[in-house]
PDB file of N, CA and C in Angstrom:
ATOM      1  N   MET A   1     -26.339   0.700   8.421  1.00  0.00           N
ATOM      2  CA  MET A   1     -25.359   0.011   7.610  1.00  0.00           C
ATOM      3  C   MET A   1     -24.098   0.857   7.444  1.00  0.00           C
ATOM      4  N   HIS A   2     -24.275   2.162   7.297  1.00  0.00           N
ATOM      5  CA  HIS A   2     -23.110   3.033   7.129  1.00  0.00           C
ATOM      6  C   HIS A   2     -22.154   2.877   8.312  1.00  0.00           C
ATOM      7  N   GLY A   3     -22.683   2.932   9.519  1.00  0.00           N
ATOM      8  CA  GLY A   3     -21.844   2.789  10.707  1.00  0.00           C
ATOM      9  C   GLY A   3     -21.284   1.389  10.850  1.00  0.00           C
ATOM     10  N   HIS A   4     -22.067   0.384  10.537  1.00  0.00           N
ATOM     11  CA  HIS A   4     -21.628  -1.009  10.639  1.00  0.00           C
ATOM     12  C   HIS A   4     -20.420  -1.269   9.734  1.00  0.00           C
ATOM     13  N   HIS A   5     -20.478  -0.779   8.511  1.00  0.00           N
ATOM     14  CA  HIS A   5     -19.392  -1.022   7.564  1.00  0.00           C
ATOM     15  C   HIS A   5     -18.161  -0.168   7.851  1.00  0.00           C
ATOM     16  N   ARG A   6     -18.250   0.747   8.795  1.00  0.00           N
ATOM     17  CA  ARG A   6     -17.109   1.593   9.155  1.00  0.00           C
ATOM     18  C   ARG A   6     -16.694   1.416  10.614  1.00  0.00           C
ATOM     19  N   ASP A   7     -17.143   0.350  11.235  1.00  0.00           N
ATOM     20  CA  ASP A   7     -16.819   0.079  12.634  1.00  0.00           C
ATOM     21  C   ASP A   7     -15.433  -0.552  12.722  1.00  0.00           C
ATOM     22  N   PRO A   8     -14.459   0.134  13.325  1.00  0.00           N
ATOM     23  CA  PRO A   8     -13.105  -0.425  13.408  1.00  0.00           C
ATOM     24  C   PRO A   8     -13.029  -1.699  14.251  1.00  0.00           C
ATOM     25  N   ALA A   9     -14.048  -1.963  15.065  1.00  0.00           N
ATOM     26  CA  ALA A   9     -14.056  -3.221  15.820  1.00  0.00           C
ATOM     27  C   ALA A   9     -14.370  -4.409  14.897  1.00  0.00           C
ATOM     28  N   LEU A  10     -15.031  -4.143  13.778  1.00  0.00           N
ATOM     29  CA  LEU A  10     -15.375  -5.191  12.827  1.00  0.00           C
ATOM     30  C   LEU A  10     -14.441  -5.240  11.628  1.00  0.00           C
ATOM     31  N   TRP A  11     -13.901  -4.103  11.250  1.00  0.00           N
ATOM     32  CA  TRP A  11     -13.113  -3.984  10.026  1.00  0.00           C
ATOM     33  C   TRP A  11     -11.777  -3.299  10.310  1.00  0.00           C
ATOM     34  N   PRO A  12     -10.664  -3.956  10.037  1.00  0.00           N
ATOM     35  CA  PRO A  12      -9.388  -3.243  10.157  1.00  0.00           C
ATOM     36  C   PRO A  12      -9.328  -2.143   9.096  1.00  0.00           C
ATOM     37  N   ASP A  13      -8.948  -0.950   9.498  1.00  0.00           N
ATOM     38  CA  ASP A  13      -8.841   0.195   8.592  1.00  0.00           C
ATOM     39  C   ASP A  13     -10.114   0.334   7.754  1.00  0.00           C
ATOM     40  N   PRO A  14     -11.268   0.576   8.402  1.00  0.00           N
ATOM     41  CA  PRO A  14     -12.559   0.506   7.715  1.00  0.00           C
ATOM     42  C   PRO A  14     -12.758   1.532   6.605  1.00  0.00           C
ATOM     43  N   GLU A  15     -12.040   2.625   6.605  1.00  0.00           N
ATOM     44  CA  GLU A  15     -12.227   3.644   5.565  1.00  0.00           C
ATOM     45  C   GLU A  15     -11.424   3.338   4.303  1.00  0.00           C
ATOM     46  N   ARG A  16     -10.563   2.328   4.352  1.00  0.00           N
ATOM     47  CA  ARG A  16      -9.714   1.994   3.203  1.00  0.00           C
ATOM     48  C   ARG A  16     -10.462   1.061   2.256  1.00  0.00           C
ATOM     49  N   PHE A  17     -10.428   1.401   0.963  1.00  0.00           N
ATOM     50  CA  PHE A  17     -11.008   0.534  -0.060  1.00  0.00           C
ATOM     51  C   PHE A  17     -10.088  -0.667  -0.204  1.00  0.00           C
ATOM     52  N   ASP A  18     -10.590  -1.867   0.082  1.00  0.00           N
ATOM     53  CA  ASP A  18      -9.750  -3.065   0.045  1.00  0.00           C
ATOM     54  C   ASP A  18     -10.549  -4.263  -0.452  1.00  0.00           C
ATOM     55  N   PRO A  19     -10.550  -4.503  -1.777  1.00  0.00           N
ATOM     56  CA  PRO A  19     -11.311  -5.640  -2.292  1.00  0.00           C
ATOM     57  C   PRO A  19     -10.720  -6.986  -1.893  1.00  0.00           C
ATOM     58  N   ARG A  20      -9.547  -6.990  -1.240  1.00  0.00           N
ATOM     59  CA  ARG A  20      -8.919  -8.247  -0.820  1.00  0.00           C
ATOM     60  C   ARG A  20      -9.458  -8.758   0.520  1.00  0.00           C
ATOM     61  N   ARG A  21     -10.323  -8.002   1.165  1.00  0.00           N
ATOM     62  CA  ARG A  21     -10.817  -8.376   2.499  1.00  0.00           C
ATOM     63  C   ARG A  21     -11.409  -9.777   2.566  1.00  0.00           C
ATOM     64  N   PHE A  22     -12.046 -10.226   1.508  1.00  0.00           N
ATOM     65  CA  PHE A  22     -12.746 -11.506   1.548  1.00  0.00           C
ATOM     66  C   PHE A  22     -12.078 -12.587   0.709  1.00  0.00           C
ATOM     67  N   LEU A  23     -10.868 -12.353   0.259  1.00  0.00           N
ATOM     68  CA  LEU A  23     -10.190 -13.393  -0.508  1.00  0.00           C
ATOM     69  C   LEU A  23     -10.009 -14.636   0.356  1.00  0.00           C
ATOM     70  N   GLY A  24     -10.390 -15.775  -0.187  1.00  0.00           N
ATOM     71  CA  GLY A  24     -10.208 -17.034   0.522  1.00  0.00           C
ATOM     72  C   GLY A  24     -11.274 -17.348   1.554  1.00  0.00           C
ATOM     73  N   ARG A  25     -12.299 -16.500   1.669  1.00  0.00           N
ATOM     74  CA  ARG A  25     -13.367 -16.780   2.626  1.00  0.00           C
ATOM     75  C   ARG A  25     -14.628 -16.032   2.222  1.00  0.00           C
ATOM     76  N   ASP A  26     -15.757 -16.561   2.659  1.00  0.00           N
ATOM     77  CA  ASP A  26     -17.031 -15.873   2.454  1.00  0.00           C
ATOM     78  C   ASP A  26     -17.307 -14.999   3.665  1.00  0.00           C
ATOM     79  N   PRO A  27     -18.004 -13.875   3.477  1.00  0.00           N
ATOM     80  CA  PRO A  27     -18.373 -13.060   4.635  1.00  0.00           C
ATOM     81  C   PRO A  27     -19.246 -13.861   5.596  1.00  0.00           C
ATOM     82  N   ARG A  28     -19.025 -13.684   6.894  1.00  0.00           N
ATOM     83  CA  ARG A  28     -19.866 -14.327   7.898  1.00  0.00           C
ATOM     84  C   ARG A  28     -21.242 -13.655   7.900  1.00  0.00           C
ATOM     85  N   PRO A  29     -22.297 -14.361   8.327  1.00  0.00           N
ATOM     86  CA  PRO A  29     -23.628 -13.748   8.378  1.00  0.00           C
ATOM     87  C   PRO A  29     -23.602 -12.456   9.191  1.00  0.00           C
ATOM     88  N   GLY A  30     -24.172 -11.406   8.633  1.00  0.00           N
ATOM     89  CA  GLY A  30     -24.232 -10.117   9.313  1.00  0.00           C
ATOM     90  C   GLY A  30     -22.958  -9.304   9.215  1.00  0.00           C
ATOM     91  N   GLU A  31     -21.906  -9.846   8.610  1.00  0.00           N
ATOM     92  CA  GLU A  31     -20.640  -9.115   8.518  1.00  0.00           C
ATOM     93  C   GLU A  31     -20.690  -8.060   7.414  1.00  0.00           C
ATOM     94  N   LEU A  32     -21.137  -8.453   6.252  1.00  0.00           N
ATOM     95  CA  LEU A  32     -21.261  -7.542   5.122  1.00  0.00           C
ATOM     96  C   LEU A  32     -22.743  -7.425   4.793  1.00  0.00           C
ATOM     97  N   ILE A  33     -23.261  -6.205   4.812  1.00  0.00           N
ATOM     98  CA  ILE A  33     -24.696  -5.995   4.594  1.00  0.00           C
ATOM     99  C   ILE A  33     -24.862  -5.084   3.378  1.00  0.00           C
ATOM    100  N   PRO A  34     -24.696  -5.619   2.157  1.00  0.00           N
ATOM    101  CA  PRO A  34     -24.784  -4.756   0.989  1.00  0.00           C
ATOM    102  C   PRO A  34     -26.199  -4.313   0.645  1.00  0.00           C
ATOM    103  N   GLN A  35     -27.223  -5.056   1.055  1.00  0.00           N
ATOM    104  CA  GLN A  35     -28.593  -4.760   0.638  1.00  0.00           C
ATOM    105  C   GLN A  35     -29.581  -4.750   1.800  1.00  0.00           C
ATOM    106  N   GLY A  36     -29.124  -4.641   3.024  1.00  0.00           N
ATOM    107  CA  GLY A  36     -30.025  -4.666   4.171  1.00  0.00           C
ATOM    108  C   GLY A  36     -29.815  -5.926   4.986  1.00  0.00           C
ATOM    109  N   GLY A  37     -30.336  -5.963   6.191  1.00  0.00           N
ATOM    110  CA  GLY A  37     -30.139  -7.106   7.072  1.00  0.00           C
ATOM    111  C   GLY A  37     -31.354  -8.017   7.095  1.00  0.00           C
ATOM    112  N   GLY A  38     -31.197  -9.139   7.745  1.00  0.00           N
ATOM    113  CA  GLY A  38     -32.310 -10.077   7.886  1.00  0.00           C
ATOM    114  C   GLY A  38     -32.335 -11.127   6.807  1.00  0.00           C
ATOM    115  N   ASP A  39     -33.287 -12.009   6.913  1.00  0.00           N
ATOM    116  CA  ASP A  39     -33.449 -13.106   5.968  1.00  0.00           C
ATOM    117  C   ASP A  39     -34.045 -12.578   4.664  1.00  0.00           C
ATOM    118  N   ALA A  40     -33.401 -12.872   3.544  1.00  0.00           N
ATOM    119  CA  ALA A  40     -33.864 -12.376   2.247  1.00  0.00           C
ATOM    120  C   ALA A  40     -35.236 -12.924   1.873  1.00  0.00           C
ATOM    121  N   HIS A  41     -35.625 -14.086   2.421  1.00  0.00           N
ATOM    122  CA  HIS A  41     -36.903 -14.698   2.069  1.00  0.00           C
ATOM    123  C   HIS A  41     -38.068 -14.153   2.890  1.00  0.00           C
ATOM    124  N   THR A  42     -37.802 -13.568   4.048  1.00  0.00           N
ATOM    125  CA  THR A  42     -38.891 -13.092   4.895  1.00  0.00           C
ATOM    126  C   THR A  42     -38.851 -11.592   5.151  1.00  0.00           C
ATOM    127  N   GLY A  43     -37.711 -10.949   4.930  1.00  0.00           N
ATOM    128  CA  GLY A  43     -37.586  -9.526   5.216  1.00  0.00           C
ATOM    129  C   GLY A  43     -37.697  -8.678   3.964  1.00  0.00           C
ATOM    130  N   HIS A  44     -37.745  -7.387   4.157  1.00  0.00           N
ATOM    131  CA  HIS A  44     -37.799  -6.446   3.040  1.00  0.00           C
ATOM    132  C   HIS A  44     -36.380  -6.252   2.525  1.00  0.00           C
ATOM    133  N   ARG A  45     -36.118  -6.757   1.347  1.00  0.00           N
ATOM    134  CA  ARG A  45     -34.788  -6.668   0.768  1.00  0.00           C
ATOM    135  C   ARG A  45     -34.896  -6.153  -0.661  1.00  0.00           C
ATOM    136  N   CYS A  46     -33.788  -5.796  -1.219  1.00  0.00           N
ATOM    137  CA  CYS A  46     -33.731  -5.303  -2.587  1.00  0.00           C
ATOM    138  C   CYS A  46     -34.049  -6.429  -3.570  1.00  0.00           C
ATOM    139  N   THR A  47     -34.884  -6.149  -4.571  1.00  0.00           N
ATOM    140  CA  THR A  47     -35.228  -7.173  -5.559  1.00  0.00           C
ATOM    141  C   THR A  47     -34.035  -7.548  -6.425  1.00  0.00           C
ATOM    142  N   GLY A  48     -33.056  -6.690  -6.529  1.00  0.00           N
ATOM    143  CA  GLY A  48     -31.864  -6.988  -7.320  1.00  0.00           C
ATOM    144  C   GLY A  48     -30.714  -7.524  -6.488  1.00  0.00           C
ATOM    145  N   GLU A  49     -31.004  -7.965  -5.264  1.00  0.00           N
ATOM    146  CA  GLU A  49     -29.937  -8.383  -4.347  1.00  0.00           C
ATOM    147  C   GLU A  49     -29.091  -9.529  -4.886  1.00  0.00           C
ATOM    148  N   ASP A  50     -29.717 -10.563  -5.423  1.00  0.00           N
ATOM    149  CA  ASP A  50     -28.934 -11.716  -5.878  1.00  0.00           C
ATOM    150  C   ASP A  50     -27.913 -11.329  -6.936  1.00  0.00           C
ATOM    151  N   ILE A  51     -28.341 -10.556  -7.937  1.00  0.00           N
ATOM    152  CA  ILE A  51     -27.411 -10.156  -8.987  1.00  0.00           C
ATOM    153  C   ILE A  51     -26.363  -9.184  -8.448  1.00  0.00           C
ATOM    154  N   THR A  52     -26.759  -8.308  -7.536  1.00  0.00           N
ATOM    155  CA  THR A  52     -25.813  -7.365  -6.953  1.00  0.00           C
ATOM    156  C   THR A  52     -24.731  -8.087  -6.164  1.00  0.00           C
ATOM    157  N   VAL A  53     -25.112  -9.033  -5.334  1.00  0.00           N
ATOM    158  CA  VAL A  53     -24.135  -9.789  -4.545  1.00  0.00           C
ATOM    159  C   VAL A  53     -23.207 -10.564  -5.475  1.00  0.00           C
ATOM    160  N   HIS A  54     -23.746 -11.153  -6.531  1.00  0.00           N
ATOM    161  CA  HIS A  54     -22.915 -11.875  -7.499  1.00  0.00           C
ATOM    162  C   HIS A  54     -21.927 -10.931  -8.184  1.00  0.00           C
ATOM    163  N   LEU A  55     -22.402  -9.766  -8.611  1.00  0.00           N
ATOM    164  CA  LEU A  55     -21.517  -8.803  -9.270  1.00  0.00           C
ATOM    165  C   LEU A  55     -20.431  -8.294  -8.325  1.00  0.00           C
ATOM    166  N   VAL A  56     -20.800  -7.999  -7.085  1.00  0.00           N
ATOM    167  CA  VAL A  56     -19.809  -7.535  -6.109  1.00  0.00           C
ATOM    168  C   VAL A  56     -18.759  -8.611  -5.865  1.00  0.00           C
ATOM    169  N   ALA A  57     -19.185  -9.869  -5.729  1.00  0.00           N
ATOM    170  CA  ALA A  57     -18.229 -10.961  -5.507  1.00  0.00           C
ATOM    171  C   ALA A  57     -17.293 -11.110  -6.700  1.00  0.00           C
ATOM    172  N   THR A  58     -17.832 -11.047  -7.908  1.00  0.00           N
ATOM    173  CA  THR A  58     -17.011 -11.170  -9.112  1.00  0.00           C
ATOM    174  C   THR A  58     -16.064  -9.990  -9.240  1.00  0.00           C
ATOM    175  N   LEU A  59     -16.571  -8.793  -9.046  1.00  0.00           N
ATOM    176  CA  LEU A  59     -15.739  -7.599  -9.164  1.00  0.00           C
ATOM    177  C   LEU A  59     -14.654  -7.583  -8.099  1.00  0.00           C
ATOM    178  N   SER A  60     -14.973  -7.964  -6.873  1.00  0.00           N
ATOM    179  CA  SER A  60     -13.984  -7.971  -5.795  1.00  0.00           C
ATOM    180  C   SER A  60     -12.823  -8.894  -6.130  1.00  0.00           C
ATOM    181  N   THR A  61     -13.118 -10.081  -6.649  1.00  0.00           N
ATOM    182  CA  THR A  61     -12.061 -11.021  -7.025  1.00  0.00           C
ATOM    183  C   THR A  61     -11.218 -10.455  -8.153  1.00  0.00           C
ATOM    184  N   THR A  62     -11.854  -9.845  -9.136  1.00  0.00           N
ATOM    185  CA  THR A  62     -11.126  -9.250 -10.258  1.00  0.00           C
ATOM    186  C   THR A  62     -10.244  -8.114  -9.773  1.00  0.00           C
ATOM    187  N   LEU A  63     -10.798  -7.215  -8.944  1.00  0.00           N
ATOM    188  CA  LEU A  63     -10.015  -6.085  -8.438  1.00  0.00           C
ATOM    189  C   LEU A  63      -8.859  -6.546  -7.559  1.00  0.00           C
ATOM    190  N   ALA A  64      -9.079  -7.584  -6.779  1.00  0.00           N
ATOM    191  CA  ALA A  64      -8.023  -8.074  -5.890  1.00  0.00           C
ATOM    192  C   ALA A  64      -6.824  -8.583  -6.677  1.00  0.00           C
ATOM    193  N   ASP A  65      -7.041  -9.048  -7.898  1.00  0.00           N
ATOM    194  CA  ASP A  65      -5.960  -9.568  -8.726  1.00  0.00           C
ATOM    195  C   ASP A  65      -5.287  -8.504  -9.576  1.00  0.00           C
ATOM    196  N   LEU A  66      -5.815  -7.288  -9.598  1.00  0.00           N
ATOM    197  CA  LEU A  66      -5.262  -6.231 -10.437  1.00  0.00           C
ATOM    198  C   LEU A  66      -4.233  -5.384  -9.703  1.00  0.00           C
ATOM    199  N   ASP A  67      -3.327  -4.861 -10.469  1.00  0.00           N
ATOM    200  CA  ASP A  67      -2.433  -3.826  -9.977  1.00  0.00           C
ATOM    201  C   ASP A  67      -3.166  -2.513 -10.256  1.00  0.00           C
ATOM    202  N   PHE A  68      -3.615  -1.817  -9.222  1.00  0.00           N
ATOM    203  CA  PHE A  68      -4.370  -0.584  -9.440  1.00  0.00           C
ATOM    204  C   PHE A  68      -3.956   0.467  -8.424  1.00  0.00           C
ATOM    205  N   ASP A  69      -4.232   1.702  -8.755  1.00  0.00           N
ATOM    206  CA  ASP A  69      -4.014   2.831  -7.864  1.00  0.00           C
ATOM    207  C   ASP A  69      -5.339   3.557  -7.701  1.00  0.00           C
ATOM    208  N   MET A  70      -5.504   4.173  -6.543  1.00  0.00           N
ATOM    209  CA  MET A  70      -6.675   5.009  -6.315  1.00  0.00           C
ATOM    210  C   MET A  70      -6.216   6.456  -6.268  1.00  0.00           C
ATOM    211  N   PRO A  71      -6.631   7.262  -7.247  1.00  0.00           N
ATOM    212  CA  PRO A  71      -6.245   8.672  -7.211  1.00  0.00           C
ATOM    213  C   PRO A  71      -6.920   9.372  -6.033  1.00  0.00           C
ATOM    214  N   GLU A  72      -6.413  10.516  -5.679  1.00  0.00           N
ATOM    215  CA  GLU A  72      -7.019  11.331  -4.620  1.00  0.00           C
ATOM    216  C   GLU A  72      -8.464  11.617  -5.013  1.00  0.00           C
ATOM    217  N   GLN A  73      -9.391  11.404  -4.103  1.00  0.00           N
ATOM    218  CA  GLN A  73     -10.803  11.632  -4.380  1.00  0.00           C
ATOM    219  C   GLN A  73     -11.554  11.827  -3.079  1.00  0.00           C
ATOM    220  N   ASP A  74     -12.773  12.290  -3.188  1.00  0.00           N
ATOM    221  CA  ASP A  74     -13.600  12.564  -2.011  1.00  0.00           C
ATOM    222  C   ASP A  74     -14.478  11.347  -1.735  1.00  0.00           C
ATOM    223  N   LEU A  75     -14.043  10.483  -0.810  1.00  0.00           N
ATOM    224  CA  LEU A  75     -14.782   9.263  -0.496  1.00  0.00           C
ATOM    225  C   LEU A  75     -15.738   9.433   0.677  1.00  0.00           C
ATOM    226  N   ARG A  76     -15.929  10.683   1.125  1.00  0.00           N
ATOM    227  CA  ARG A  76     -16.919  10.900   2.180  1.00  0.00           C
ATOM    228  C   ARG A  76     -18.297  10.521   1.648  1.00  0.00           C
ATOM    229  N   ILE A  77     -19.097   9.938   2.522  1.00  0.00           N
ATOM    230  CA  ILE A  77     -20.419   9.468   2.122  1.00  0.00           C
ATOM    231  C   ILE A  77     -21.482  10.308   2.823  1.00  0.00           C
ATOM    232  N   PRO A  78     -22.267  11.061   2.040  1.00  0.00           N
ATOM    233  CA  PRO A  78     -23.331  11.851   2.652  1.00  0.00           C
ATOM    234  C   PRO A  78     -24.477  10.934   3.066  1.00  0.00           C
ATOM    235  N   VAL A  79     -24.692  10.805   4.359  1.00  0.00           N
ATOM    236  CA  VAL A  79     -25.719   9.881   4.844  1.00  0.00           C
ATOM    237  C   VAL A  79     -27.132  10.454   4.717  1.00  0.00           C
ATOM    238  N   SER A  80     -27.264  11.699   4.282  1.00  0.00           N
ATOM    239  CA  SER A  80     -28.593  12.286   4.101  1.00  0.00           C
ATOM    240  C   SER A  80     -29.185  11.922   2.738  1.00  0.00           C
ATOM    241  N   ARG A  81     -28.424  11.277   1.896  1.00  0.00           N
ATOM    242  CA  ARG A  81     -28.888  10.893   0.552  1.00  0.00           C
ATOM    243  C   ARG A  81     -29.101   9.386   0.499  1.00  0.00           C
ATOM    244  N   VAL A  82     -30.279   8.958  -0.009  1.00  0.00           N
ATOM    245  CA  VAL A  82     -30.558   7.531  -0.141  1.00  0.00           C
ATOM    246  C   VAL A  82     -31.029   7.286  -1.571  1.00  0.00           C
ATOM    247  N   PRO A  83     -30.428   6.380  -2.329  1.00  0.00           N
ATOM    248  CA  PRO A  83     -29.242   5.627  -1.919  1.00  0.00           C
ATOM    249  C   PRO A  83     -28.035   6.548  -1.902  1.00  0.00           C
ATOM    250  N   THR A  84     -27.068   6.191  -1.127  1.00  0.00           N
ATOM    251  CA  THR A  84     -25.895   7.030  -0.985  1.00  0.00           C
ATOM    252  C   THR A  84     -24.712   6.432  -1.732  1.00  0.00           C
ATOM    253  N   ARG A  85     -23.682   7.216  -1.915  1.00  0.00           N
ATOM    254  CA  ARG A  85     -22.444   6.773  -2.535  1.00  0.00           C
ATOM    255  C   ARG A  85     -21.377   7.797  -2.185  1.00  0.00           C
ATOM    256  N   PRO A  86     -20.111   7.445  -2.341  1.00  0.00           N
ATOM    257  CA  PRO A  86     -19.067   8.438  -2.084  1.00  0.00           C
ATOM    258  C   PRO A  86     -19.272   9.665  -2.977  1.00  0.00           C
ATOM    259  N   ARG A  87     -18.947  10.832  -2.442  1.00  0.00           N
ATOM    260  CA  ARG A  87     -19.183  12.081  -3.171  1.00  0.00           C
ATOM    261  C   ARG A  87     -18.557  12.073  -4.564  1.00  0.00           C
ATOM    262  N   SER A  88     -17.371  11.524  -4.693  1.00  0.00           N
ATOM    263  CA  SER A  88     -16.690  11.518  -5.991  1.00  0.00           C
ATOM    264  C   SER A  88     -16.927  10.234  -6.768  1.00  0.00           C
ATOM    265  N   GLY A  89     -17.756   9.330  -6.240  1.00  0.00           N
ATOM    266  CA  GLY A  89     -17.815   7.989  -6.812  1.00  0.00           C
ATOM    267  C   GLY A  89     -16.554   7.277  -6.329  1.00  0.00           C
ATOM    268  N   VAL A  90     -16.220   6.165  -6.909  1.00  0.00           N
ATOM    269  CA  VAL A  90     -14.968   5.490  -6.585  1.00  0.00           C
ATOM    270  C   VAL A  90     -14.244   5.291  -7.904  1.00  0.00           C
ATOM    271  N   ARG A  91     -13.094   5.944  -8.022  1.00  0.00           N
ATOM    272  CA  ARG A  91     -12.315   5.850  -9.250  1.00  0.00           C
ATOM    273  C   ARG A  91     -11.023   5.103  -8.966  1.00  0.00           C
ATOM    274  N   ILE A  92     -10.675   4.189  -9.856  1.00  0.00           N
ATOM    275  CA  ILE A  92      -9.388   3.517  -9.765  1.00  0.00           C
ATOM    276  C   ILE A  92      -8.672   3.690 -11.089  1.00  0.00           C
ATOM    277  N   GLN A  93      -7.349   3.619 -11.040  1.00  0.00           N
ATOM    278  CA  GLN A  93      -6.538   3.687 -12.253  1.00  0.00           C
ATOM    279  C   GLN A  93      -5.838   2.351 -12.420  1.00  0.00           C
ATOM    280  N   ILE A  94      -6.005   1.768 -13.593  1.00  0.00           N
ATOM    281  CA  ILE A  94      -5.382   0.490 -13.905  1.00  0.00           C
ATOM    282  C   ILE A  94      -4.285   0.765 -14.928  1.00  0.00           C
ATOM    283  N   PRO A  95      -3.034   0.414 -14.612  1.00  0.00           N
ATOM    284  CA  PRO A  95      -1.965   0.643 -15.585  1.00  0.00           C
ATOM    285  C   PRO A  95      -2.281  -0.029 -16.915  1.00  0.00           C
ATOM    286  N   ALA A  96      -1.882   0.598 -18.008  1.00  0.00           N
ATOM    287  CA  ALA A  96      -2.176   0.083 -19.348  1.00  0.00           C
ATOM    288  C   ALA A  96      -1.617  -1.311 -19.558  1.00  0.00           C
ATOM    289  N   ARG A  97      -0.556  -1.670 -18.857  1.00  0.00           N
ATOM    290  CA  ARG A  97       0.062  -2.982 -19.052  1.00  0.00           C
ATOM    291  C   ARG A  97      -0.703  -4.110 -18.371  1.00  0.00           C
ATOM    292  N   THR A  98      -1.743  -3.792 -17.595  1.00  0.00           N
ATOM    293  CA  THR A  98      -2.491  -4.804 -16.859  1.00  0.00           C
ATOM    294  C   THR A  98      -3.707  -5.234 -17.668  1.00  0.00           C
ATOM    295  N   PRO A  99      -3.712  -6.458 -18.229  1.00  0.00           N
ATOM    296  CA  PRO A  99      -4.901  -6.888 -18.978  1.00  0.00           C
ATOM    297  C   PRO A  99      -6.041  -7.221 -18.017  1.00  0.00           C
ATOM    298  N   LEU A 100      -7.241  -6.800 -18.373  1.00  0.00           N
ATOM    299  CA  LEU A 100      -8.403  -7.122 -17.552  1.00  0.00           C
ATOM    300  C   LEU A 100      -8.861  -8.543 -17.815  1.00  0.00           C
ATOM    301  N   THR A 101      -8.740  -8.985 -19.046  1.00  0.00           N
ATOM    302  CA  THR A 101      -9.099 -10.357 -19.391  1.00  0.00           C
ATOM    303  C   THR A 101      -8.071 -10.876 -20.375  1.00  0.00           C
ATOM    304  N   THR A 102      -7.963 -12.157 -20.471  1.00  0.00           N
ATOM    305  CA  THR A 102      -7.084 -12.744 -21.472  1.00  0.00           C
ATOM    306  C   THR A 102      -7.903 -13.664 -22.349  1.00  0.00           C
ATOM    307  N   SER A 103      -7.554 -13.700 -23.579  1.00  0.00           N
ATOM    308  CA  SER A 103      -8.217 -14.588 -24.520  1.00  0.00           C
ATOM    309  C   SER A 103      -7.154 -15.110 -25.471  1.00  0.00           C
ATOM    310  N   PRO A 104      -7.432 -16.215 -26.180  1.00  0.00           N
ATOM    311  CA  PRO A 104      -6.439 -16.745 -27.110  1.00  0.00           C
ATOM    312  C   PRO A 104      -5.978 -15.669 -28.082  1.00  0.00           C
ATOM    313  N   GLY A 105      -4.685 -15.526 -28.213  1.00  0.00           N
ATOM    314  CA  GLY A 105      -4.121 -14.541 -29.111  1.00  0.00           C
ATOM    315  C   GLY A 105      -3.895 -13.174 -28.487  1.00  0.00           C
ATOM    316  N   SER A 106      -4.356 -12.962 -27.249  1.00  0.00           N
ATOM    317  CA  SER A 106      -4.117 -11.675 -26.608  1.00  0.00           C
ATOM    318  C   SER A 106      -2.649 -11.609 -26.201  1.00  0.00           C
ATOM    319  N   PRO A 107      -2.129 -10.379 -25.977  1.00  0.00           N
ATOM    320  CA  PRO A 107      -0.705 -10.260 -25.606  1.00  0.00           C
ATOM    321  C   PRO A 107      -0.320 -11.095 -24.391  1.00  0.00           C
ATOM    322  N   ALA A 108      -1.233 -11.287 -23.461  1.00  0.00           N
ATOM    323  CA  ALA A 108      -0.917 -12.082 -22.257  1.00  0.00           C
ATOM    324  C   ALA A 108      -0.746 -13.564 -22.586  1.00  0.00           C
ATOM    325  N   GLN A 109      -1.318 -14.019 -23.719  1.00  0.00           N
ATOM    326  CA  GLN A 109      -1.257 -15.408 -24.101  1.00  0.00           C
ATOM    327  C   GLN A 109      -0.087 -15.707 -25.043  1.00  0.00           C
ATOM    328  N   ARG A 110       0.559 -14.682 -25.571  1.00  0.00           N
ATOM    329  CA  ARG A 110       1.651 -14.876 -26.532  1.00  0.00           C
ATOM    330  C   ARG A 110       2.961 -15.132 -25.845  1.00  0.00           C
TER     331      ARG A 110
END
């Protein structure tokens, strides 16, 4: 999966964090493999896959709509660790003027 998600033949600029990649479309089968490959009903998959995929889809849409910056960080992924993650985690900075949510009476609604 590590190599698949970083294959430049499949992903333009594969090392760049870009939550906008799937705006306006769903990933094609086998394109994004967040929890393993194969059929979820017959293969060995993560028991939390459904909620994880839902959270990733929701977060991606939210991040795509935000004005954010990514500070310098170590995004190398040690493949000897399972589960793995970028060495520094993934940190983003959201300007204070960007509301994450709006509700009646919030500054964005006034």
